[in-house]
Each structure stands twice: as structure tokens, then as C-alpha cells.
Amino acid sequence: MMNMMSVKEHMQAQFPIIHPETELSQAIELLSEFNLIGAPVVDNNKRLVAYLSEHELLKPMLHASYHCDSSIKVSDVMRGEPLSVTGDTSLISLAEQMLGDKPKNYPVIDDDERVTGIITRTQVLRALAVAYNNCKAV
């Protein structure tokens, strides 16, 4: 049943490792490599410290590329106090949370706040579509 499905069944276990000291252009390359619009920022123990999205990257990169100056670090633009979910979070409750103005991607953390994956709105939508198609087959 759909209400029994959890985030860990649908999360993406491979994700970019971005640290506060990562240079912005490198962070952009990592997001592109993983086809993500944002990613968690982690410390050396993979604990969640912030979140970085394309939105936060746009203004500083526009300025830096226009003026051809500065070396900007992720710590200069990252968003602190990121929302996250655990692997045991219900997919239904996450989908409901995503209906509002909440993020489209969530870091998935364990009990020690270490990032174990990412769950995207696309992954949630795919899981809902499978459940919907299973309902139609009954």
C-alpha cells in the first residue's frame, strides 16, 4: 500500500558531496553531474550543515562572471537550517509537505544527521504514479 512506502525505498543514494569550502563553480558542476537543482552541504563527517540550490547560485555567479572577479565559496551563499527527512518518513507525508512552498529536494539523514541520500519531487511523483497504476489494475 502507498501509505506504507517510505522515503528510503525511493531516495537517490548517490549525491554530490558539497562542503562549505567548495568553490561555487565546482558546486555547479556537481549539481549538473547529478542532474539536481540543489544538494545538501555537509561537513567532513557527512553531517548536514546547510542546503545549496541553483537559486542561491544565480546572483553571485552572475556578478562574478560579469566582473570576472572573486572566488566565491559555498559558505558565502548556502542556506542554513535546511529541511530534511529520514529514510523512515512516509512518502505520503513528504508528498503532502511538497504541496506547499517547501523545497523540491530533501536531504535524507540518519539518526546522527549524516546525509544518506536525496529525495526529489520527481522521485516522489514517480512512486505516486506507480501506486496509482496499481490501484487501476485492481
C-alpha atoms as a PDB file:
ATOM      1  CA  MET A   1       0.000   0.000   0.000  1.00  0.00           C
ATOM      2  CA  MET A   2       1.099   3.533  -0.738  1.00  0.00           C
ATOM      3  CA  ASN A   3       0.841   4.747   2.869  1.00  0.00           C
ATOM      4  CA  MET A   4       3.402   2.102   3.908  1.00  0.00           C
ATOM      5  CA  MET A   5       6.025   3.295   1.414  1.00  0.00           C
ATOM      6  CA  SER A   6       8.980   5.166   2.862  1.00  0.00           C
ATOM      7  CA  VAL A   7      11.499   7.662   1.578  1.00  0.00           C
ATOM      8  CA  LYS A   8      14.372   5.138   1.780  1.00  0.00           C
ATOM      9  CA  GLU A   9      12.681   2.976  -0.877  1.00  0.00           C
ATOM     10  CA  HIS A  10      12.783   5.813  -3.414  1.00  0.00           C
ATOM     11  CA  MET A  11      15.657   8.070  -2.425  1.00  0.00           C
ATOM     12  CA  GLN A  12      18.736   8.618  -4.520  1.00  0.00           C
ATOM     13  CA  ALA A  13      21.665   7.158  -2.553  1.00  0.00           C
ATOM     14  CA  GLN A  14      24.283   8.758  -4.818  1.00  0.00           C
ATOM     15  CA  PHE A  15      24.539  12.521  -4.422  1.00  0.00           C
ATOM     16  CA  PRO A  16      27.144  15.250  -4.753  1.00  0.00           C
ATOM     17  CA  ILE A  17      29.411  15.837  -1.780  1.00  0.00           C
ATOM     18  CA  ILE A  18      29.470  19.599  -1.327  1.00  0.00           C
ATOM     19  CA  HIS A  19      31.298  21.210   1.580  1.00  0.00           C
ATOM     20  CA  PRO A  20      31.087  24.828   2.791  1.00  0.00           C
ATOM     21  CA  GLU A  21      34.583  25.468   1.389  1.00  0.00           C
ATOM     22  CA  THR A  22      33.696  24.124  -2.088  1.00  0.00           C
ATOM     23  CA  GLU A  23      34.113  26.785  -4.775  1.00  0.00           C
ATOM     24  CA  LEU A  24      30.816  27.771  -6.466  1.00  0.00           C
ATOM     25  CA  SER A  25      31.741  26.738  -9.996  1.00  0.00           C
ATOM     26  CA  GLN A  26      32.689  23.295  -8.691  1.00  0.00           C
ATOM     27  CA  ALA A  27      29.361  23.052  -6.844  1.00  0.00           C
ATOM     28  CA  ILE A  28      27.544  23.917 -10.079  1.00  0.00           C
ATOM     29  CA  GLU A  29      29.438  21.170 -11.905  1.00  0.00           C
ATOM     30  CA  LEU A  30      28.483  18.674  -9.194  1.00  0.00           C
ATOM     31  CA  LEU A  31      24.792  19.626  -9.353  1.00  0.00           C
ATOM     32  CA  SER A  32      24.886  19.234 -13.119  1.00  0.00           C
ATOM     33  CA  GLU A  33      26.674  15.883 -12.910  1.00  0.00           C
ATOM     34  CA  PHE A  34      23.925  14.518 -10.650  1.00  0.00           C
ATOM     35  CA  ASN A  35      21.135  16.330 -12.543  1.00  0.00           C
ATOM     36  CA  LEU A  36      19.946  18.133  -9.398  1.00  0.00           C
ATOM     37  CA  ILE A  37      18.682  21.670  -8.756  1.00  0.00           C
ATOM     38  CA  GLY A  38      20.071  21.634  -5.230  1.00  0.00           C
ATOM     39  CA  ALA A  39      22.007  19.499  -2.796  1.00  0.00           C
ATOM     40  CA  PRO A  40      22.936  19.218   0.859  1.00  0.00           C
ATOM     41  CA  VAL A  41      26.069  20.871   2.156  1.00  0.00           C
ATOM     42  CA  VAL A  42      27.872  18.545   4.548  1.00  0.00           C
ATOM     43  CA  ASP A  43      30.776  18.643   6.965  1.00  0.00           C
ATOM     44  CA  ASN A  44      33.683  16.176   6.827  1.00  0.00           C
ATOM     45  CA  ASN A  45      31.554  13.543   8.603  1.00  0.00           C
ATOM     46  CA  LYS A  46      28.740  13.902   6.026  1.00  0.00           C
ATOM     47  CA  ARG A  47      26.547  15.648   8.619  1.00  0.00           C
ATOM     48  CA  LEU A  48      24.036  18.088   7.167  1.00  0.00           C
ATOM     49  CA  VAL A  49      25.038  21.722   7.732  1.00  0.00           C
ATOM     50  CA  ALA A  50      23.142  23.607   5.024  1.00  0.00           C
ATOM     51  CA  TYR A  51      21.474  23.383   1.644  1.00  0.00           C
ATOM     52  CA  LEU A  52      22.546  24.866  -1.667  1.00  0.00           C
ATOM     53  CA  SER A  53      20.191  25.430  -4.582  1.00  0.00           C
ATOM     54  CA  GLU A  54      20.532  26.872  -8.055  1.00  0.00           C
ATOM     55  CA  HIS A  55      18.567  29.879  -6.800  1.00  0.00           C
ATOM     56  CA  GLU A  56      21.311  30.813  -4.311  1.00  0.00           C
ATOM     57  CA  LEU A  57      23.946  30.290  -7.002  1.00  0.00           C
ATOM     58  CA  LEU A  58      22.459  32.534  -9.664  1.00  0.00           C
ATOM     59  CA  LYS A  59      23.109  36.019  -8.242  1.00  0.00           C
ATOM     60  CA  PRO A  60      26.717  35.523  -7.114  1.00  0.00           C
ATOM     61  CA  MET A  61      27.635  33.722 -10.331  1.00  0.00           C
ATOM     62  CA  LEU A  62      26.026  36.478 -12.403  1.00  0.00           C
ATOM     63  CA  HIS A  63      28.029  39.082 -10.503  1.00  0.00           C
ATOM     64  CA  ALA A  64      31.308  37.118 -10.574  1.00  0.00           C
ATOM     65  CA  SER A  65      31.059  36.271 -14.269  1.00  0.00           C
ATOM     66  CA  TYR A  66      30.145  39.860 -15.207  1.00  0.00           C
ATOM     67  CA  HIS A  67      33.005  41.386 -13.225  1.00  0.00           C
ATOM     68  CA  CYS A  68      35.425  38.457 -13.701  1.00  0.00           C
ATOM     69  CA  ASP A  69      36.429  38.602 -10.095  1.00  0.00           C
ATOM     70  CA  SER A  70      36.378  36.860  -6.764  1.00  0.00           C
ATOM     71  CA  SER A  71      36.484  33.303  -5.611  1.00  0.00           C
ATOM     72  CA  ILE A  72      33.148  32.509  -4.040  1.00  0.00           C
ATOM     73  CA  LYS A  73      32.707  29.613  -1.647  1.00  0.00           C
ATOM     74  CA  VAL A  74      29.528  27.686  -0.926  1.00  0.00           C
ATOM     75  CA  SER A  75      29.634  29.026   2.644  1.00  0.00           C
ATOM     76  CA  ASP A  76      29.068  32.530   1.211  1.00  0.00           C
ATOM     77  CA  VAL A  77      25.668  31.625  -0.251  1.00  0.00           C
ATOM     78  CA  MET A  78      24.377  28.390   1.338  1.00  0.00           C
ATOM     79  CA  ARG A  79      21.048  28.320   3.164  1.00  0.00           C
ATOM     80  CA  GLY A  80      21.379  27.290   6.806  1.00  0.00           C
ATOM     81  CA  GLU A  81      18.844  25.297   8.805  1.00  0.00           C
ATOM     82  CA  PRO A  82      17.815  23.074   5.892  1.00  0.00           C
ATOM     83  CA  LEU A  83      14.710  20.951   5.963  1.00  0.00           C
ATOM     84  CA  SER A  84      15.400  17.231   5.833  1.00  0.00           C
ATOM     85  CA  VAL A  85      13.647  13.889   6.166  1.00  0.00           C
ATOM     86  CA  THR A  86      14.659  10.484   7.467  1.00  0.00           C
ATOM     87  CA  GLY A  87      14.563   7.278   5.483  1.00  0.00           C
ATOM     88  CA  ASP A  88      11.558   6.162   7.536  1.00  0.00           C
ATOM     89  CA  THR A  89       9.488   9.211   6.570  1.00  0.00           C
ATOM     90  CA  SER A  90       6.255   8.229   4.837  1.00  0.00           C
ATOM     91  CA  LEU A  91       6.216   9.031   1.134  1.00  0.00           C
ATOM     92  CA  ILE A  92       2.636  10.291   1.538  1.00  0.00           C
ATOM     93  CA  SER A  93       3.567  12.767   4.275  1.00  0.00           C
ATOM     94  CA  LEU A  94       6.523  14.007   2.212  1.00  0.00           C
ATOM     95  CA  ALA A  95       4.299  14.442  -0.848  1.00  0.00           C
ATOM     96  CA  GLU A  96       1.847  16.461   1.252  1.00  0.00           C
ATOM     97  CA  GLN A  97       4.714  18.585   2.575  1.00  0.00           C
ATOM     98  CA  MET A  98       5.874  19.233  -1.000  1.00  0.00           C
ATOM     99  CA  LEU A  99       2.463  20.673  -1.932  1.00  0.00           C
ATOM    100  CA  GLY A 100       3.260  23.960  -0.227  1.00  0.00           C
ATOM    101  CA  ASP A 101       6.146  26.325  -0.746  1.00  0.00           C
ATOM    102  CA  LYS A 102       8.567  23.720   0.559  1.00  0.00           C
ATOM    103  CA  PRO A 103      11.721  22.595  -1.239  1.00  0.00           C
ATOM    104  CA  LYS A 104      11.618  20.275  -4.216  1.00  0.00           C
ATOM    105  CA  ASN A 105      14.561  18.206  -2.934  1.00  0.00           C
ATOM    106  CA  TYR A 106      15.193  16.967   0.588  1.00  0.00           C
ATOM    107  CA  PRO A 107      18.361  15.588   2.102  1.00  0.00           C
ATOM    108  CA  VAL A 108      17.697  12.215   3.742  1.00  0.00           C
ATOM    109  CA  ILE A 109      19.503  11.915   7.080  1.00  0.00           C
ATOM    110  CA  ASP A 110      20.120   9.190   9.633  1.00  0.00           C
ATOM    111  CA  ASP A 111      19.888   9.481  13.431  1.00  0.00           C
ATOM    112  CA  ASP A 112      23.314  11.175  13.565  1.00  0.00           C
ATOM    113  CA  GLU A 113      22.236  13.774  10.959  1.00  0.00           C
ATOM    114  CA  ARG A 114      24.533  12.216   8.362  1.00  0.00           C
ATOM    115  CA  VAL A 115      23.214  12.552   4.841  1.00  0.00           C
ATOM    116  CA  THR A 116      22.401   9.143   3.354  1.00  0.00           C
ATOM    117  CA  GLY A 117      20.653  10.314   0.190  1.00  0.00           C
ATOM    118  CA  ILE A 118      18.388  12.795  -1.533  1.00  0.00           C
ATOM    119  CA  ILE A 119      14.703  12.501  -2.374  1.00  0.00           C
ATOM    120  CA  THR A 120      13.372  14.697  -5.150  1.00  0.00           C
ATOM    121  CA  ARG A 121       9.858  15.699  -6.099  1.00  0.00           C
ATOM    122  CA  THR A 122      10.335  13.736  -9.327  1.00  0.00           C
ATOM    123  CA  GLN A 123      11.080  10.551  -7.372  1.00  0.00           C
ATOM    124  CA  VAL A 124       8.031  11.111  -5.155  1.00  0.00           C
ATOM    125  CA  LEU A 125       5.864  11.706  -8.218  1.00  0.00           C
ATOM    126  CA  ARG A 126       7.112   8.504  -9.876  1.00  0.00           C
ATOM    127  CA  ALA A 127       6.261   6.497  -6.745  1.00  0.00           C
ATOM    128  CA  LEU A 128       2.776   8.044  -6.645  1.00  0.00           C
ATOM    129  CA  ALA A 129       2.275   7.167 -10.335  1.00  0.00           C
ATOM    130  CA  VAL A 130       3.218   3.527  -9.679  1.00  0.00           C
ATOM    131  CA  ALA A 131       0.756   3.382  -6.767  1.00  0.00           C
ATOM    132  CA  TYR A 132      -1.921   4.992  -8.934  1.00  0.00           C
ATOM    133  CA  ASN A 133      -1.363   2.475 -11.733  1.00  0.00           C
ATOM    134  CA  ASN A 134      -1.501  -0.383  -9.214  1.00  0.00           C
ATOM    135  CA  CYS A 135      -4.878   0.940  -7.983  1.00  0.00           C
ATOM    136  CA  LYS A 136      -6.198   0.954 -11.546  1.00  0.00           C
ATOM    137  CA  ALA A 137      -5.083  -2.657 -12.063  1.00  0.00           C
ATOM    138  CA  VAL A 138      -7.129  -3.914  -9.106  1.00  0.00           C
END
